Amino acid sequence: INAEYMGHFLSVYFFSWLFTMGGNAASILKKVDSDDKNTDKEIDTLFTKLDKDKSGELSGAEYDAFFAEATKYMLADLKKAGHDYDEATISDWLKTWIDPNGDGKVTQQELKDNLKAVLDAGE
């Protein structure tokens, strides 16, 4: 393992830790998933918690932390529904839908346009 990989690995887990410490990721994702009335508000909360550098987009470690948490949530949700998928498949599927242009960045609008539909598909 080289130093660059290790630095990226640690930053992903650091951002993931910050995100979950500031409000449980699963609980925010569950609110987006189950509350049609306040979806945009919950997505705004989620985005604000993740966009640590206030750049207006999730990229780098923020992007990786979001997809790590969303993948974990979707795997559990799908398992409850009786489906058995592997983590890589779910992660790829989420990235295809939530980052449709594949630029490695997620804007707040991309989350608003796609997150609810993706989470609903897991039911």
C-alpha atoms as a PDB file:
ATOM      1  CA  ILE A   1       0.000   0.000   0.000  1.00  0.00           C
ATOM      2  CA  ASN A   2       1.480   3.330  -1.007  1.00  0.00           C
ATOM      3  CA  ALA A   3       1.218   6.560   0.971  1.00  0.00           C
ATOM      4  CA  GLU A   4      -1.225   8.190  -1.475  1.00  0.00           C
ATOM      5  CA  TYR A   5      -3.646   5.260  -1.244  1.00  0.00           C
ATOM      6  CA  MET A   6      -3.373   5.184   2.539  1.00  0.00           C
ATOM      7  CA  GLY A   7      -4.044   8.931   2.740  1.00  0.00           C
ATOM      8  CA  HIS A   8      -7.135   8.586   0.560  1.00  0.00           C
ATOM      9  CA  PHE A   9      -8.320   5.574   2.558  1.00  0.00           C
ATOM     10  CA  LEU A  10      -7.958   7.446   5.854  1.00  0.00           C
ATOM     11  CA  SER A  11      -9.671  10.582   4.526  1.00  0.00           C
ATOM     12  CA  VAL A  12     -12.687   8.560   3.327  1.00  0.00           C
ATOM     13  CA  TYR A  13     -13.098   7.005   6.734  1.00  0.00           C
ATOM     14  CA  PHE A  14     -12.499  10.320   8.468  1.00  0.00           C
ATOM     15  CA  PHE A  15     -15.232  12.019   6.421  1.00  0.00           C
ATOM     16  CA  SER A  16     -17.502   9.037   6.965  1.00  0.00           C
ATOM     17  CA  TRP A  17     -16.877   9.308  10.705  1.00  0.00           C
ATOM     18  CA  LEU A  18     -17.562  13.057  10.682  1.00  0.00           C
ATOM     19  CA  PHE A  19     -20.755  12.510   8.727  1.00  0.00           C
ATOM     20  CA  THR A  20     -22.109   9.839  11.029  1.00  0.00           C
ATOM     21  CA  MET A  21     -21.055  11.686  14.188  1.00  0.00           C
ATOM     22  CA  GLY A  22     -22.940  14.799  13.085  1.00  0.00           C
ATOM     23  CA  GLY A  23     -26.146  12.854  12.501  1.00  0.00           C
ATOM     24  CA  ASN A  24     -26.526   9.183  11.814  1.00  0.00           C
ATOM     25  CA  ALA A  25     -26.262   8.650   8.054  1.00  0.00           C
ATOM     26  CA  ALA A  26     -28.710   5.775   8.088  1.00  0.00           C
ATOM     27  CA  SER A  27     -31.323   7.841   9.924  1.00  0.00           C
ATOM     28  CA  ILE A  28     -31.054  10.694   7.414  1.00  0.00           C
ATOM     29  CA  LEU A  29     -31.204   8.293   4.470  1.00  0.00           C
ATOM     30  CA  LYS A  30     -34.190   6.554   6.075  1.00  0.00           C
ATOM     31  CA  LYS A  31     -35.992   9.907   6.367  1.00  0.00           C
ATOM     32  CA  VAL A  32     -35.337  10.606   2.687  1.00  0.00           C
ATOM     33  CA  ASP A  33     -36.505   7.088   1.864  1.00  0.00           C
ATOM     34  CA  SER A  34     -39.695   7.142   3.915  1.00  0.00           C
ATOM     35  CA  ASP A  35     -40.869  10.763   4.110  1.00  0.00           C
ATOM     36  CA  ASP A  36     -42.233  12.033   0.796  1.00  0.00           C
ATOM     37  CA  LYS A  37     -43.308  15.325   2.369  1.00  0.00           C
ATOM     38  CA  ASN A  38     -39.880  16.493   3.589  1.00  0.00           C
ATOM     39  CA  THR A  39     -37.580  14.850   1.042  1.00  0.00           C
ATOM     40  CA  ASP A  40     -35.950  18.055  -0.209  1.00  0.00           C
ATOM     41  CA  LYS A  41     -35.378  19.301   3.348  1.00  0.00           C
ATOM     42  CA  GLU A  42     -33.743  16.007   4.371  1.00  0.00           C
ATOM     43  CA  ILE A  43     -31.581  15.981   1.236  1.00  0.00           C
ATOM     44  CA  ASP A  44     -30.499  19.546   2.028  1.00  0.00           C
ATOM     45  CA  THR A  45     -29.536  18.401   5.547  1.00  0.00           C
ATOM     46  CA  LEU A  46     -27.651  15.418   4.163  1.00  0.00           C
ATOM     47  CA  PHE A  47     -25.801  17.519   1.596  1.00  0.00           C
ATOM     48  CA  THR A  48     -24.860  20.188   4.137  1.00  0.00           C
ATOM     49  CA  LYS A  49     -23.428  17.563   6.507  1.00  0.00           C
ATOM     50  CA  LEU A  50     -21.358  16.015   3.735  1.00  0.00           C
ATOM     51  CA  ASP A  51     -20.136  19.145   1.947  1.00  0.00           C
ATOM     52  CA  LYS A  52     -17.449  19.851   4.550  1.00  0.00           C
ATOM     53  CA  ASP A  53     -15.468  22.215   2.325  1.00  0.00           C
ATOM     54  CA  LYS A  54     -18.631  24.110   1.291  1.00  0.00           C
ATOM     55  CA  SER A  55     -17.718  23.804  -2.398  1.00  0.00           C
ATOM     56  CA  GLY A  56     -21.298  23.098  -3.460  1.00  0.00           C
ATOM     57  CA  GLU A  57     -20.453  19.590  -4.591  1.00  0.00           C
ATOM     58  CA  LEU A  58     -19.370  16.309  -3.077  1.00  0.00           C
ATOM     59  CA  SER A  59     -16.016  15.251  -4.469  1.00  0.00           C
ATOM     60  CA  GLY A  60     -13.000  13.286  -3.321  1.00  0.00           C
ATOM     61  CA  ALA A  61     -13.390  11.997   0.232  1.00  0.00           C
ATOM     62  CA  GLU A  62     -16.850  13.605   0.590  1.00  0.00           C
ATOM     63  CA  TYR A  63     -18.041  11.725  -2.512  1.00  0.00           C
ATOM     64  CA  ASP A  64     -16.521   8.457  -1.312  1.00  0.00           C
ATOM     65  CA  ALA A  65     -17.985   8.852   2.189  1.00  0.00           C
ATOM     66  CA  PHE A  66     -21.455   9.510   0.793  1.00  0.00           C
ATOM     67  CA  PHE A  67     -21.382   6.462  -1.452  1.00  0.00           C
ATOM     68  CA  ALA A  68     -19.961   4.265   1.326  1.00  0.00           C
ATOM     69  CA  GLU A  69     -22.850   5.270   3.615  1.00  0.00           C
ATOM     70  CA  ALA A  70     -25.506   5.075   0.882  1.00  0.00           C
ATOM     71  CA  THR A  71     -24.249   1.643  -0.183  1.00  0.00           C
ATOM     72  CA  LYS A  72     -24.385   0.370   3.393  1.00  0.00           C
ATOM     73  CA  TYR A  73     -27.927   1.713   3.770  1.00  0.00           C
ATOM     74  CA  MET A  74     -29.113   0.204   0.470  1.00  0.00           C
ATOM     75  CA  LEU A  75     -27.565  -3.195   1.221  1.00  0.00           C
ATOM     76  CA  ALA A  76     -29.465  -3.362   4.515  1.00  0.00           C
ATOM     77  CA  ASP A  77     -32.684  -2.114   2.914  1.00  0.00           C
ATOM     78  CA  LEU A  78     -32.481  -4.641   0.085  1.00  0.00           C
ATOM     79  CA  LYS A  79     -31.630  -7.457   2.476  1.00  0.00           C
ATOM     80  CA  LYS A  80     -34.786  -6.670   4.498  1.00  0.00           C
ATOM     81  CA  ALA A  81     -36.749  -6.947   1.244  1.00  0.00           C
ATOM     82  CA  GLY A  82     -35.235 -10.401   0.617  1.00  0.00           C
ATOM     83  CA  HIS A  83     -32.678  -9.416  -2.027  1.00  0.00           C
ATOM     84  CA  ASP A  84     -29.058 -10.473  -1.940  1.00  0.00           C
ATOM     85  CA  TYR A  85     -26.651  -8.152  -3.755  1.00  0.00           C
ATOM     86  CA  ASP A  86     -22.946  -7.587  -3.262  1.00  0.00           C
ATOM     87  CA  GLU A  87     -21.526  -4.252  -2.151  1.00  0.00           C
ATOM     88  CA  ALA A  88     -19.754  -3.489  -5.460  1.00  0.00           C
ATOM     89  CA  THR A  89     -22.956  -3.958  -7.460  1.00  0.00           C
ATOM     90  CA  ILE A  90     -24.925  -1.631  -5.196  1.00  0.00           C
ATOM     91  CA  SER A  91     -22.165   0.984  -5.157  1.00  0.00           C
ATOM     92  CA  ASP A  92     -21.925   0.960  -8.969  1.00  0.00           C
ATOM     93  CA  TRP A  93     -25.698   1.144  -9.296  1.00  0.00           C
ATOM     94  CA  LEU A  94     -25.905   4.101  -6.899  1.00  0.00           C
ATOM     95  CA  LYS A  95     -23.128   5.962  -8.709  1.00  0.00           C
ATOM     96  CA  THR A  96     -24.808   5.388 -12.074  1.00  0.00           C
ATOM     97  CA  TRP A  97     -28.043   6.942 -10.836  1.00  0.00           C
ATOM     98  CA  ILE A  98     -26.797   9.648  -8.484  1.00  0.00           C
ATOM     99  CA  ASP A  99     -23.764  10.748 -10.523  1.00  0.00           C
ATOM    100  CA  PRO A 100     -25.246  10.223 -14.004  1.00  0.00           C
ATOM    101  CA  ASN A 101     -22.525  12.145 -15.861  1.00  0.00           C
ATOM    102  CA  GLY A 102     -19.838  10.101 -14.072  1.00  0.00           C
ATOM    103  CA  ASP A 103     -17.676  13.116 -13.258  1.00  0.00           C
ATOM    104  CA  GLY A 104     -16.920  11.940  -9.708  1.00  0.00           C
ATOM    105  CA  LYS A 105     -18.854  14.844  -8.227  1.00  0.00           C
ATOM    106  CA  VAL A 106     -22.373  15.086  -6.852  1.00  0.00           C
ATOM    107  CA  THR A 107     -24.206  18.376  -6.672  1.00  0.00           C
ATOM    108  CA  GLN A 108     -27.084  19.124  -4.351  1.00  0.00           C
ATOM    109  CA  GLN A 109     -29.388  19.179  -7.371  1.00  0.00           C
ATOM    110  CA  GLU A 110     -28.194  15.729  -8.500  1.00  0.00           C
ATOM    111  CA  LEU A 111     -29.083  14.403  -5.048  1.00  0.00           C
ATOM    112  CA  LYS A 112     -32.507  16.061  -5.189  1.00  0.00           C
ATOM    113  CA  ASP A 113     -33.130  14.738  -8.690  1.00  0.00           C
ATOM    114  CA  ASN A 114     -32.078  11.146  -8.030  1.00  0.00           C
ATOM    115  CA  LEU A 115     -31.656  10.040  -4.394  1.00  0.00           C
ATOM    116  CA  LYS A 116     -35.311   9.529  -3.472  1.00  0.00           C
ATOM    117  CA  ALA A 117     -36.025   7.444  -6.588  1.00  0.00           C
ATOM    118  CA  VAL A 118     -32.950   5.287  -5.984  1.00  0.00           C
ATOM    119  CA  LEU A 119     -33.841   4.651  -2.337  1.00  0.00           C
ATOM    120  CA  ASP A 120     -37.450   3.871  -3.263  1.00  0.00           C
ATOM    121  CA  ALA A 121     -36.231   1.288  -5.773  1.00  0.00           C
ATOM    122  CA  GLY A 122     -34.764  -0.692  -2.880  1.00  0.00           C
ATOM    123  CA  GLU A 123     -38.165  -1.381  -1.375  1.00  0.00           C
END
